[in-house]
Amino acid sequence: MKKFNIKKGDTVYVNAGNDKGKTGKVLEVIREKDRVVVEGINMVSKHTKPNPKAPQGGIVKQEASIHISNVNLMDAAGKPTKVAHKVVDGKKVRIAKTTGEEIK
């Protein structure tokens, strides 16, 4: 299984694409396709048929996935950073390269 430095719930910075420069929270990591779904990023219109949940049907705006290489993890200071790994008290933790602090 592939290992990524980005996990669900992390705040990320988009460094490529139409939403370049925006930040958002990771809603889902799709490991098989190397993609992430970020809150408010890469919004698409999906046409839905009427169903019991939405009796009218219509057009729904929702997030589409973007490639994981197009996002950077944000450090505590709110700047994009690369990630290093370190063993602390027998646990492997993520360290922000810009500040050297642990990423929660």
N, C-alpha and C. Protein backbone atom coordinates (compact mmCIF):
# COMPACT_ATOMS: atom_id res chain seq x y z
N MET A 1 0.84 -1.18 0.00
CA MET A 1 0.00 0.00 0.00
C MET A 1 0.89 1.24 0.00
N LYS A 2 0.48 2.27 -0.76
CA LYS A 2 1.25 3.49 -0.86
C LYS A 2 1.18 4.29 0.42
N LYS A 3 2.26 4.99 0.72
CA LYS A 3 2.31 5.85 1.90
C LYS A 3 2.32 7.31 1.45
N PHE A 4 1.47 8.12 2.05
CA PHE A 4 1.41 9.54 1.74
C PHE A 4 1.66 10.36 2.99
N ASN A 5 2.18 11.57 2.79
CA ASN A 5 2.41 12.47 3.92
C ASN A 5 1.13 13.22 4.30
N ILE A 6 0.11 13.12 3.48
CA ILE A 6 -1.13 13.86 3.70
C ILE A 6 -2.19 12.88 4.17
N LYS A 7 -2.93 13.28 5.22
CA LYS A 7 -3.97 12.43 5.79
C LYS A 7 -5.30 13.20 5.82
N LYS A 8 -6.38 12.46 6.02
CA LYS A 8 -7.70 13.06 6.14
C LYS A 8 -7.69 14.03 7.34
N GLY A 9 -8.24 15.23 7.13
CA GLY A 9 -8.30 16.23 8.20
C GLY A 9 -7.18 17.24 8.16
N ASP A 10 -6.13 16.99 7.38
CA ASP A 10 -5.02 17.94 7.26
C ASP A 10 -5.45 19.16 6.46
N THR A 11 -4.81 20.30 6.74
CA THR A 11 -5.01 21.50 5.94
C THR A 11 -3.92 21.54 4.89
N VAL A 12 -4.31 21.74 3.62
CA VAL A 12 -3.36 21.72 2.52
C VAL A 12 -3.46 23.00 1.69
N TYR A 13 -2.37 23.28 0.97
CA TYR A 13 -2.26 24.42 0.06
C TYR A 13 -2.22 23.85 -1.35
N VAL A 14 -3.04 24.41 -2.25
CA VAL A 14 -3.07 23.93 -3.63
C VAL A 14 -2.02 24.71 -4.42
N ASN A 15 -1.04 23.99 -5.00
CA ASN A 15 0.07 24.65 -5.69
C ASN A 15 0.00 24.54 -7.21
N ALA A 16 -1.09 23.98 -7.76
CA ALA A 16 -1.23 23.87 -9.21
C ALA A 16 -2.70 23.73 -9.57
N GLY A 17 -3.05 24.15 -10.78
CA GLY A 17 -4.41 23.99 -11.26
C GLY A 17 -5.22 25.27 -11.16
N ASN A 18 -6.51 25.16 -11.42
CA ASN A 18 -7.40 26.33 -11.42
C ASN A 18 -7.54 26.96 -10.04
N ASP A 19 -7.39 26.18 -8.98
CA ASP A 19 -7.55 26.68 -7.62
C ASP A 19 -6.21 26.97 -6.95
N LYS A 20 -5.18 27.24 -7.74
CA LYS A 20 -3.84 27.50 -7.22
C LYS A 20 -3.86 28.65 -6.22
N GLY A 21 -3.20 28.45 -5.08
CA GLY A 21 -3.13 29.49 -4.05
C GLY A 21 -4.17 29.35 -2.96
N LYS A 22 -5.17 28.50 -3.14
CA LYS A 22 -6.22 28.32 -2.14
C LYS A 22 -5.81 27.24 -1.13
N THR A 23 -6.45 27.27 0.03
CA THR A 23 -6.21 26.26 1.05
C THR A 23 -7.52 25.59 1.41
N GLY A 24 -7.44 24.40 1.94
CA GLY A 24 -8.64 23.68 2.35
C GLY A 24 -8.30 22.46 3.17
N LYS A 25 -9.34 21.85 3.73
CA LYS A 25 -9.19 20.68 4.58
C LYS A 25 -9.39 19.42 3.73
N VAL A 26 -8.56 18.41 3.94
CA VAL A 26 -8.67 17.16 3.19
C VAL A 26 -9.87 16.38 3.72
N LEU A 27 -10.80 16.04 2.80
CA LEU A 27 -11.98 15.27 3.16
C LEU A 27 -11.76 13.77 2.95
N GLU A 28 -10.92 13.44 1.95
CA GLU A 28 -10.71 12.03 1.61
C GLU A 28 -9.39 11.86 0.89
N VAL A 29 -8.70 10.75 1.16
CA VAL A 29 -7.48 10.39 0.43
C VAL A 29 -7.78 9.11 -0.33
N ILE A 30 -7.60 9.16 -1.67
CA ILE A 30 -7.86 7.99 -2.52
C ILE A 30 -6.50 7.41 -2.90
N ARG A 31 -6.03 6.43 -2.16
CA ARG A 31 -4.69 5.88 -2.32
C ARG A 31 -4.49 5.17 -3.66
N GLU A 32 -5.50 4.48 -4.15
CA GLU A 32 -5.36 3.72 -5.39
C GLU A 32 -5.07 4.62 -6.59
N LYS A 33 -5.60 5.84 -6.55
CA LYS A 33 -5.46 6.75 -7.69
C LYS A 33 -4.53 7.93 -7.40
N ASP A 34 -3.87 7.96 -6.25
CA ASP A 34 -2.97 9.06 -5.85
C ASP A 34 -3.69 10.41 -5.85
N ARG A 35 -4.91 10.45 -5.32
CA ARG A 35 -5.70 11.67 -5.37
C ARG A 35 -6.26 12.01 -3.99
N VAL A 36 -6.62 13.30 -3.81
CA VAL A 36 -7.25 13.76 -2.58
C VAL A 36 -8.47 14.61 -2.93
N VAL A 37 -9.45 14.61 -2.03
CA VAL A 37 -10.61 15.49 -2.16
C VAL A 37 -10.45 16.55 -1.09
N VAL A 38 -10.43 17.83 -1.53
CA VAL A 38 -10.20 18.95 -0.62
C VAL A 38 -11.46 19.81 -0.57
N GLU A 39 -11.83 20.21 0.64
CA GLU A 39 -13.04 21.00 0.86
C GLU A 39 -12.99 22.33 0.10
N GLY A 40 -13.97 22.56 -0.78
CA GLY A 40 -14.08 23.83 -1.51
C GLY A 40 -13.16 23.96 -2.71
N ILE A 41 -12.42 22.92 -3.05
CA ILE A 41 -11.47 22.96 -4.16
C ILE A 41 -11.96 22.05 -5.29
N ASN A 42 -11.77 22.48 -6.54
CA ASN A 42 -12.14 21.72 -7.73
C ASN A 42 -13.62 21.36 -7.72
N MET A 43 -14.48 22.38 -7.55
CA MET A 43 -15.92 22.18 -7.51
C MET A 43 -16.44 21.85 -8.91
N VAL A 44 -17.30 20.84 -9.01
CA VAL A 44 -17.91 20.44 -10.27
C VAL A 44 -19.42 20.40 -10.09
N SER A 45 -20.15 20.52 -11.21
CA SER A 45 -21.60 20.42 -11.19
C SER A 45 -22.00 19.00 -11.56
N LYS A 46 -22.78 18.38 -10.70
CA LYS A 46 -23.23 17.01 -10.96
C LYS A 46 -24.74 17.05 -11.16
N HIS A 47 -25.20 16.48 -12.25
CA HIS A 47 -26.63 16.42 -12.55
C HIS A 47 -27.22 15.19 -11.89
N THR A 48 -28.27 15.38 -11.09
CA THR A 48 -28.86 14.26 -10.37
C THR A 48 -30.31 14.04 -10.80
N LYS A 49 -30.68 12.76 -10.84
CA LYS A 49 -32.07 12.40 -11.14
C LYS A 49 -32.90 12.58 -9.87
N PRO A 50 -34.20 12.76 -10.03
CA PRO A 50 -35.05 12.78 -8.83
C PRO A 50 -34.96 11.45 -8.08
N ASN A 51 -34.89 11.54 -6.77
CA ASN A 51 -34.85 10.35 -5.92
C ASN A 51 -35.51 10.70 -4.59
N PRO A 52 -35.72 9.73 -3.71
CA PRO A 52 -36.39 10.05 -2.43
C PRO A 52 -35.66 11.12 -1.62
N LYS A 53 -34.35 11.18 -1.73
CA LYS A 53 -33.57 12.17 -0.97
C LYS A 53 -33.75 13.57 -1.55
N ALA A 54 -33.77 13.67 -2.90
CA ALA A 54 -33.95 14.94 -3.59
C ALA A 54 -35.06 14.78 -4.61
N PRO A 55 -36.33 15.03 -4.21
CA PRO A 55 -37.46 14.77 -5.09
C PRO A 55 -37.42 15.57 -6.40
N GLN A 56 -36.83 16.74 -6.40
CA GLN A 56 -36.76 17.55 -7.62
C GLN A 56 -35.62 17.12 -8.54
N GLY A 57 -34.56 16.56 -7.98
CA GLY A 57 -33.36 16.29 -8.79
C GLY A 57 -32.65 17.61 -9.00
N GLY A 58 -31.91 17.76 -10.10
CA GLY A 58 -31.29 19.04 -10.41
C GLY A 58 -29.78 18.96 -10.45
N ILE A 59 -29.16 20.13 -10.30
CA ILE A 59 -27.70 20.24 -10.39
C ILE A 59 -27.14 20.48 -9.00
N VAL A 60 -26.17 19.65 -8.63
CA VAL A 60 -25.55 19.74 -7.30
C VAL A 60 -24.07 20.06 -7.48
N LYS A 61 -23.56 21.03 -6.71
CA LYS A 61 -22.13 21.36 -6.72
C LYS A 61 -21.44 20.48 -5.69
N GLN A 62 -20.33 19.85 -6.10
CA GLN A 62 -19.56 19.03 -5.16
C GLN A 62 -18.09 19.05 -5.52
N GLU A 63 -17.24 18.64 -4.56
CA GLU A 63 -15.80 18.62 -4.77
C GLU A 63 -15.41 17.40 -5.60
N ALA A 64 -14.49 17.61 -6.53
CA ALA A 64 -13.90 16.49 -7.27
C ALA A 64 -12.47 16.33 -6.75
N SER A 65 -11.88 15.17 -7.01
CA SER A 65 -10.54 14.91 -6.51
C SER A 65 -9.49 15.63 -7.36
N ILE A 66 -8.33 15.89 -6.74
CA ILE A 66 -7.18 16.44 -7.45
C ILE A 66 -5.97 15.56 -7.12
N HIS A 67 -4.98 15.59 -7.98
CA HIS A 67 -3.81 14.74 -7.77
C HIS A 67 -3.05 15.19 -6.53
N ILE A 68 -2.53 14.24 -5.79
CA ILE A 68 -1.86 14.53 -4.51
C ILE A 68 -0.59 15.37 -4.71
N SER A 69 0.00 15.31 -5.91
CA SER A 69 1.20 16.11 -6.17
C SER A 69 0.89 17.59 -6.31
N ASN A 70 -0.38 17.95 -6.45
CA ASN A 70 -0.77 19.34 -6.61
C ASN A 70 -1.11 20.02 -5.29
N VAL A 71 -0.87 19.36 -4.17
CA VAL A 71 -1.12 19.95 -2.85
C VAL A 71 0.11 19.82 -1.96
N ASN A 72 0.28 20.79 -1.06
CA ASN A 72 1.35 20.76 -0.05
C ASN A 72 0.70 20.86 1.32
N LEU A 73 1.26 20.17 2.27
CA LEU A 73 0.78 20.24 3.64
C LEU A 73 1.10 21.61 4.23
N MET A 74 0.23 22.13 5.09
CA MET A 74 0.47 23.42 5.75
C MET A 74 1.04 23.17 7.14
N ASP A 75 2.01 24.02 7.54
CA ASP A 75 2.56 23.89 8.89
C ASP A 75 1.72 24.72 9.86
N ALA A 76 2.13 24.77 11.12
CA ALA A 76 1.37 25.49 12.14
C ALA A 76 1.32 26.98 11.87
N ALA A 77 2.32 27.52 11.16
CA ALA A 77 2.36 28.94 10.85
C ALA A 77 1.48 29.29 9.64
N GLY A 78 0.94 28.27 8.98
CA GLY A 78 0.07 28.52 7.83
C GLY A 78 0.80 28.65 6.52
N LYS A 79 2.01 28.09 6.44
CA LYS A 79 2.79 28.13 5.20
C LYS A 79 2.94 26.72 4.65
N PRO A 80 2.97 26.58 3.31
CA PRO A 80 3.17 25.25 2.73
C PRO A 80 4.55 24.70 3.09
N THR A 81 4.63 23.42 3.33
CA THR A 81 5.89 22.83 3.76
C THR A 81 6.05 21.41 3.21
N LYS A 82 7.29 20.96 3.14
CA LYS A 82 7.56 19.56 2.86
C LYS A 82 7.56 18.83 4.20
N VAL A 83 7.55 17.51 4.15
CA VAL A 83 7.40 16.72 5.37
C VAL A 83 8.59 15.79 5.56
N ALA A 84 9.09 15.76 6.79
CA ALA A 84 10.13 14.81 7.18
C ALA A 84 9.51 13.89 8.23
N HIS A 85 10.12 12.74 8.44
CA HIS A 85 9.63 11.81 9.45
C HIS A 85 10.70 11.59 10.50
N LYS A 86 10.26 11.43 11.75
CA LYS A 86 11.17 11.26 12.87
C LYS A 86 10.52 10.33 13.89
N VAL A 87 11.32 9.54 14.57
CA VAL A 87 10.78 8.67 15.61
C VAL A 87 10.92 9.37 16.95
N VAL A 88 9.78 9.61 17.62
CA VAL A 88 9.76 10.26 18.93
C VAL A 88 9.00 9.35 19.89
N ASP A 89 9.64 8.95 20.96
CA ASP A 89 9.05 8.05 21.96
C ASP A 89 8.51 6.77 21.33
N GLY A 90 9.24 6.23 20.37
CA GLY A 90 8.84 4.99 19.72
C GLY A 90 7.74 5.13 18.69
N LYS A 91 7.30 6.36 18.40
CA LYS A 91 6.27 6.60 17.39
C LYS A 91 6.85 7.41 16.25
N LYS A 92 6.46 7.07 15.03
CA LYS A 92 6.89 7.82 13.86
C LYS A 92 5.96 9.02 13.70
N VAL A 93 6.53 10.24 13.70
CA VAL A 93 5.74 11.46 13.58
C VAL A 93 6.17 12.25 12.36
N ARG A 94 5.27 13.11 11.88
CA ARG A 94 5.57 13.98 10.75
C ARG A 94 6.12 15.30 11.27
N ILE A 95 7.20 15.78 10.65
CA ILE A 95 7.85 17.03 11.04
C ILE A 95 7.80 17.99 9.85
N ALA A 96 7.43 19.25 10.10
CA ALA A 96 7.42 20.28 9.04
C ALA A 96 8.86 20.72 8.79
N LYS A 97 9.28 20.69 7.53
CA LYS A 97 10.65 21.08 7.21
C LYS A 97 10.90 22.56 7.40
N THR A 98 9.85 23.41 7.23
CA THR A 98 10.04 24.86 7.35
C THR A 98 10.29 25.28 8.81
N THR A 99 9.56 24.70 9.77
CA THR A 99 9.67 25.12 11.15
C THR A 99 10.34 24.10 12.05
N GLY A 100 10.35 22.83 11.63
CA GLY A 100 10.91 21.78 12.45
C GLY A 100 9.96 21.28 13.52
N GLU A 101 8.72 21.78 13.51
CA GLU A 101 7.73 21.38 14.51
C GLU A 101 6.97 20.14 14.06
N GLU A 102 6.41 19.44 15.03
CA GLU A 102 5.61 18.24 14.73
C GLU A 102 4.27 18.67 14.15
N ILE A 103 3.82 17.92 13.14
CA ILE A 103 2.52 18.18 12.52
C ILE A 103 1.49 17.31 13.22
N LYS A 104 0.47 17.91 13.77
CA LYS A 104 -0.57 17.18 14.52
C LYS A 104 -1.59 16.63 13.57
